[in-house]
């Protein structure tokens, strides 16, 4: 289930340089995944995106970098491991 806008942080401001522990990485990864899932839903299901493609790419790139640094945090349901979105 996709969280409502009030619950999901739509534009999380996560600085990779501030992540200095696995627990900080876990928190950042969860925040980014929730946000990306929300944006996937808005884009693929509702056809009503609320951020630009560049902003979305930035979220994905940040998530990918954290997962590269902490490979044990990669899960099969991570947006980095998925192709495309939900159909309309």
Protein backbone atom coordinates (compact mmCIF):
# COMPACT_ATOMS: atom_id res chain seq x y z
CA UNK A 1 0.00 0.00 0.00
CA UNK A 2 1.29 3.45 -0.88
CA UNK A 3 1.35 5.94 1.97
CA UNK A 4 -0.66 9.13 1.68
CA UNK A 5 1.18 12.38 0.97
CA UNK A 6 1.00 13.46 4.60
CA UNK A 7 2.72 10.25 5.69
CA UNK A 8 5.30 9.83 2.94
CA UNK A 9 8.03 12.40 2.63
CA UNK A 10 7.72 13.37 -1.02
CA UNK A 11 11.11 15.09 -1.37
CA UNK A 12 13.42 13.74 1.32
CA UNK A 13 16.62 15.75 1.61
CA UNK A 14 19.19 13.06 2.34
CA UNK A 15 22.87 13.92 2.19
CA UNK A 16 24.99 10.82 1.69
CA UNK A 17 27.89 12.51 3.45
CA UNK A 18 25.80 12.68 6.63
CA UNK A 19 25.31 8.90 6.72
CA UNK A 20 27.93 7.64 9.13
CA UNK A 21 26.43 4.41 10.44
CA UNK A 22 24.39 1.44 9.33
CA UNK A 23 21.41 2.65 11.37
CA UNK A 24 21.52 6.04 9.62
CA UNK A 25 21.74 4.22 6.28
CA UNK A 26 18.75 2.02 7.18
CA UNK A 27 16.67 5.08 8.06
CA UNK A 28 17.66 6.87 4.84
CA UNK A 29 16.96 3.79 2.71
CA UNK A 30 13.48 3.36 4.21
CA UNK A 31 12.65 7.04 3.72
CA UNK A 32 13.84 6.97 0.11
CA UNK A 33 11.98 3.75 -0.69
CA UNK A 34 8.71 5.11 0.70
CA UNK A 35 9.12 8.31 -1.28
CA UNK A 36 10.02 6.50 -4.53
CA UNK A 37 7.07 4.12 -4.16
CA UNK A 38 4.77 7.10 -3.65
CA UNK A 39 6.14 8.78 -6.78
CA UNK A 40 5.88 5.55 -8.79
CA UNK A 41 2.22 5.33 -7.81
CA UNK A 42 1.57 8.97 -8.73
CA UNK A 43 3.34 8.52 -12.08
CA UNK A 44 2.27 5.05 -13.21
CA UNK A 45 -1.16 4.63 -11.63
CA UNK A 46 -2.58 8.13 -11.21
CA UNK A 47 -0.73 9.65 -14.19
CA UNK A 48 -0.22 12.72 -12.01
CA UNK A 49 3.45 13.14 -11.07
CA UNK A 50 4.30 15.69 -8.39
CA UNK A 51 8.07 15.93 -8.95
CA UNK A 52 10.21 16.31 -12.05
CA UNK A 53 12.03 13.43 -13.69
CA UNK A 54 15.32 14.96 -12.52
CA UNK A 55 14.12 15.03 -8.89
CA UNK A 56 12.97 11.41 -9.16
CA UNK A 57 16.31 10.40 -10.68
CA UNK A 58 18.05 12.14 -7.78
CA UNK A 59 16.08 10.07 -5.25
CA UNK A 60 16.90 6.85 -7.11
CA UNK A 61 20.58 7.76 -7.44
CA UNK A 62 20.83 8.49 -3.72
CA UNK A 63 19.17 5.18 -2.89
CA UNK A 64 21.50 3.32 -5.26
CA UNK A 65 24.59 4.92 -3.74
CA UNK A 66 23.52 4.01 -0.20
CA UNK A 67 22.74 0.44 -1.26
CA UNK A 68 26.17 0.20 -2.92
CA UNK A 69 27.81 1.38 0.30
CA UNK A 70 25.67 -0.96 2.43
CA UNK A 71 24.90 -3.96 0.17
CA UNK A 72 23.28 -5.90 3.00
CA UNK A 73 20.45 -3.33 2.93
CA UNK A 74 19.46 -4.28 -0.64
CA UNK A 75 16.17 -6.18 -0.64
CA UNK A 76 14.19 -7.74 -3.50
CA UNK A 77 11.39 -5.18 -3.01
CA UNK A 78 13.69 -2.16 -3.24
CA UNK A 79 12.81 0.19 -6.12
CA UNK A 80 16.38 -0.28 -7.34
CA UNK A 81 15.59 -3.96 -7.91
CA UNK A 82 12.28 -3.35 -9.72
CA UNK A 83 11.56 -2.58 -13.35
CA UNK A 84 8.85 -0.06 -14.22
CA UNK A 85 5.81 0.67 -12.16
CA UNK A 86 2.31 -0.51 -11.52
CA UNK A 87 0.02 -0.53 -14.56
CA UNK A 88 -2.91 1.86 -14.76
